[in-house]
C-alpha atoms as a PDB file:
ATOM      1  CA  MET A   1       5.411 -10.126  -6.531  1.00  0.00           C
ATOM      2  CA  LEU A   2       4.569  -6.451  -6.980  1.00  0.00           C
ATOM      3  CA  CYS A   3       4.557  -5.658  -2.941  1.00  0.00           C
ATOM      4  CA  HIS A   4       7.758  -7.693  -2.574  1.00  0.00           C
ATOM      5  CA  GLN A   5       9.467  -5.021  -5.348  1.00  0.00           C
ATOM      6  CA  ALA A   6       7.841  -2.323  -3.667  1.00  0.00           C
ATOM      7  CA  LEU A   7       8.376  -3.248  -0.139  1.00  0.00           C
ATOM      8  CA  THR A   8      12.153  -4.609  -0.762  1.00  0.00           C
ATOM      9  CA  LYS A   9      13.922  -1.078   0.508  1.00  0.00           C
ATOM     10  CA  ALA A  10      10.635  -0.081   2.944  1.00  0.00           C
ATOM     11  CA  ASP A  11      11.857  -0.075   6.460  1.00  0.00           C
ATOM     12  CA  ILE A  12       8.363  -0.943   8.676  1.00  0.00           C
ATOM     13  CA  SER A  13       8.198  -1.096  11.833  1.00  0.00           C
ATOM     14  CA  VAL A  14       6.281  -0.120  14.961  1.00  0.00           C
ATOM     15  CA  ALA A  15       6.958   2.208  17.654  1.00  0.00           C
ATOM     16  CA  ASP A  16       5.725   5.353  18.994  1.00  0.00           C
ATOM     17  CA  TYR A  17       4.754   7.886  16.739  1.00  0.00           C
ATOM     18  CA  SER A  18       6.403  10.110  18.858  1.00  0.00           C
ATOM     19  CA  THR A  19      10.084   8.601  18.025  1.00  0.00           C
ATOM     20  CA  ILE A  20      10.061   8.386  14.427  1.00  0.00           C
ATOM     21  CA  LYS A  21      12.205  10.672  12.683  1.00  0.00           C
ATOM     22  CA  PRO A  22      10.855  10.215   8.668  1.00  0.00           C
ATOM     23  CA  GLN A  23      12.583  12.149   5.749  1.00  0.00           C
ATOM     24  CA  ALA A  24      11.275  14.107   2.968  1.00  0.00           C
ATOM     25  CA  GLY A  25       9.495  12.109   0.287  1.00  0.00           C
ATOM     26  CA  ASP A  26       9.159   9.274   2.901  1.00  0.00           C
ATOM     27  CA  PHE A  27       5.513   7.662   3.939  1.00  0.00           C
ATOM     28  CA  VAL A  28       4.228   6.971   7.544  1.00  0.00           C
ATOM     29  CA  TYR A  29       1.020   4.990   8.037  1.00  0.00           C
ATOM     30  CA  LEU A  30      -0.733   6.011  11.020  1.00  0.00           C
ATOM     31  CA  ASP A  31      -2.612   4.049  13.335  1.00  0.00           C
ATOM     32  CA  PRO A  32      -3.935   5.686  16.579  1.00  0.00           C
ATOM     33  CA  THR A  33      -6.675   4.512  19.093  1.00  0.00           C
ATOM     34  CA  TYR A  34      -9.597   5.549  16.925  1.00  0.00           C
ATOM     35  CA  HIS A  35     -11.578   8.997  18.599  1.00  0.00           C
ATOM     36  CA  SER A  36     -14.865   8.631  20.688  1.00  0.00           C
ATOM     37  CA  ASP A  37     -17.842  10.250  20.845  1.00  0.00           C
ATOM     38  CA  ASN A  38     -21.646  10.292  22.051  1.00  0.00           C
ATOM     39  CA  ASP A  39     -21.998   9.147  18.797  1.00  0.00           C
ATOM     40  CA  ASN A  40     -19.453   7.329  17.489  1.00  0.00           C
ATOM     41  CA  PRO A  41     -18.447   5.060  20.970  1.00  0.00           C
ATOM     42  CA  ALA A  42     -15.394   2.898  20.096  1.00  0.00           C
ATOM     43  CA  PHE A  43     -13.149   1.340  22.480  1.00  0.00           C
ATOM     44  CA  THR A  44      -9.912   3.334  23.146  1.00  0.00           C
ATOM     45  CA  GLN A  45      -8.967   1.279  26.346  1.00  0.00           C
ATOM     46  CA  TYR A  46      -5.485   0.046  24.477  1.00  0.00           C
ATOM     47  CA  SER A  47      -3.453   0.830  27.414  1.00  0.00           C
ATOM     48  CA  LYS A  48      -3.831   2.043  31.087  1.00  0.00           C
ATOM     49  CA  THR A  49      -3.558   5.810  29.625  1.00  0.00           C
ATOM     50  CA  GLY A  50      -6.541   5.603  26.391  1.00  0.00           C
ATOM     51  CA  PHE A  51      -5.764   8.074  24.371  1.00  0.00           C
ATOM     52  CA  SER A  52      -7.549  11.388  25.205  1.00  0.00           C
ATOM     53  CA  ASP A  53      -8.680  14.461  22.790  1.00  0.00           C
ATOM     54  CA  GLN A  54      -5.017  15.745  24.096  1.00  0.00           C
ATOM     55  CA  ASP A  55      -3.309  12.917  22.350  1.00  0.00           C
ATOM     56  CA  GLN A  56      -5.675  13.153  19.489  1.00  0.00           C
ATOM     57  CA  LEU A  57      -4.336  16.808  18.824  1.00  0.00           C
ATOM     58  CA  ALA A  58      -0.832  15.914  19.677  1.00  0.00           C
ATOM     59  CA  LEU A  59      -0.928  13.404  17.218  1.00  0.00           C
ATOM     60  CA  ARG A  60      -2.406  16.115  14.623  1.00  0.00           C
ATOM     61  CA  ASP A  61       0.586  18.629  15.372  1.00  0.00           C
ATOM     62  CA  PHE A  62       2.768  15.920  14.471  1.00  0.00           C
ATOM     63  CA  VAL A  63       1.338  15.454  11.432  1.00  0.00           C
ATOM     64  CA  GLU A  64       1.237  18.634  10.313  1.00  0.00           C
ATOM     65  CA  THR A  65       5.434  18.457  11.344  1.00  0.00           C
ATOM     66  CA  LEU A  66       5.766  16.179   9.070  1.00  0.00           C
ATOM     67  CA  ASP A  67       3.424  17.464   6.060  1.00  0.00           C
ATOM     68  CA  ARG A  68       5.841  20.696   6.534  1.00  0.00           C
ATOM     69  CA  ASN A  69       8.477  18.821   5.864  1.00  0.00           C
ATOM     70  CA  GLY A  70       7.604  16.918   2.851  1.00  0.00           C
ATOM     71  CA  VAL A  71       7.033  13.150   4.434  1.00  0.00           C
ATOM     72  CA  LYS A  72       3.587  11.709   2.965  1.00  0.00           C
ATOM     73  CA  ILE A  73       1.194  11.086   5.464  1.00  0.00           C
ATOM     74  CA  MET A  74      -1.583   8.569   5.898  1.00  0.00           C
ATOM     75  CA  LEU A  75      -3.859   8.166   8.844  1.00  0.00           C
ATOM     76  CA  SER A  76      -7.235   6.434   9.829  1.00  0.00           C
ATOM     77  CA  ASN A  77      -9.612   7.344  12.810  1.00  0.00           C
ATOM     78  CA  SER A  78     -13.324   7.405  13.237  1.00  0.00           C
ATOM     79  CA  ASN A  79     -15.717   9.417  11.418  1.00  0.00           C
ATOM     80  CA  THR A  80     -16.259  12.010  14.668  1.00  0.00           C
ATOM     81  CA  ASN A  81     -16.512  16.287  14.298  1.00  0.00           C
ATOM     82  CA  MET A  82     -13.669  16.339  15.988  1.00  0.00           C
ATOM     83  CA  ILE A  83     -11.525  14.343  13.901  1.00  0.00           C
ATOM     84  CA  THR A  84     -12.519  15.919  10.781  1.00  0.00           C
ATOM     85  CA  ASN A  85     -12.336  19.065  11.901  1.00  0.00           C
ATOM     86  CA  LEU A  86      -8.432  18.502  13.304  1.00  0.00           C
ATOM     87  CA  TYR A  87      -7.503  17.394   9.998  1.00  0.00           C
ATOM     88  CA  LYS A  88      -9.893  19.774   7.787  1.00  0.00           C
ATOM     89  CA  ASP A  89      -6.783  21.248   5.763  1.00  0.00           C
ATOM     90  CA  LEU A  90      -6.039  17.615   4.420  1.00  0.00           C
ATOM     91  CA  ASN A  91      -7.802  15.424   2.263  1.00  0.00           C
ATOM     92  CA  LEU A  92     -10.134  13.137   4.006  1.00  0.00           C
ATOM     93  CA  LYS A  93     -12.109  10.324   2.345  1.00  0.00           C
ATOM     94  CA  THR A  94     -15.155   8.475   4.333  1.00  0.00           C
ATOM     95  CA  ILE A  95     -15.335   4.479   4.303  1.00  0.00           C
ATOM     96  CA  ASP A  96     -16.940   1.912   5.346  1.00  0.00           C
ATOM     97  CA  ALA A  97     -15.165  -0.426   7.629  1.00  0.00           C
ATOM     98  CA  PRO A  98     -16.530  -3.702   8.725  1.00  0.00           C
ATOM     99  CA  ARG A  99     -15.829  -5.173  12.071  1.00  0.00           C
ATOM    100  CA  TYR A 100     -15.777  -8.673  12.787  1.00  0.00           C
ATOM    101  CA  VAL A 101     -15.701  -8.264  16.863  1.00  0.00           C
ATOM    102  CA  SER A 102     -18.843  -9.079  18.444  1.00  0.00           C
ATOM    103  CA  CYS A 103     -20.489 -12.227  20.044  1.00  0.00           C
ATOM    104  CA  LYS A 104     -23.523 -11.882  18.597  1.00  0.00           C
ATOM    105  CA  GLY A 105     -23.335 -12.235  14.448  1.00  0.00           C
ATOM    106  CA  ALA A 106     -25.783  -9.473  14.279  1.00  0.00           C
ATOM    107  CA  GLY A 107     -24.078  -7.272  16.229  1.00  0.00           C
ATOM    108  CA  ARG A 108     -20.971  -6.917  13.214  1.00  0.00           C
ATOM    109  CA  LYS A 109     -21.838  -3.966  10.877  1.00  0.00           C
ATOM    110  CA  ASN A 110     -20.000  -1.454   9.239  1.00  0.00           C
ATOM    111  CA  VAL A 111     -18.889   1.879  10.875  1.00  0.00           C
ATOM    112  CA  GLN A 112     -17.568   4.498   8.815  1.00  0.00           C
ATOM    113  CA  GLU A 113     -14.096   6.119   9.043  1.00  0.00           C
ATOM    114  CA  VAL A 114     -11.812   8.839   7.673  1.00  0.00           C
ATOM    115  CA  VAL A 115      -8.463   8.327   5.923  1.00  0.00           C
ATOM    116  CA  ILE A 116      -6.669  11.252   5.795  1.00  0.00           C
ATOM    117  CA  THR A 117      -3.627  11.947   3.322  1.00  0.00           C
ATOM    118  CA  ASN A 118      -1.504  14.912   2.420  1.00  0.00           C
ATOM    119  CA  TYR A 119      -1.397  14.058  -1.100  1.00  0.00           C
END
């Protein structure tokens, strides 16, 4: 019931982040393809073009613009050095996230992710 009340006036959509135009006071959750490095390999091929380090930089620039414009943001990503450095001026919380995709039960384990907010 509380979720229904909270979301009554919400506009929930799935879109390329670069196409959205949030206003001050809006809340935006971003769930990009997670960053992968040698210490934290991740599946990054959700599309033909993937999501490169340059794409991660462009997303960070977009997040900074939202922040300057008074938009509340939440973003999740891999806990890699690059990601924590990109968002070091925001609030970062490290969490253990379960992974359920593996053909072998023993291969299913938690991985560290970061939740990034500006509030």
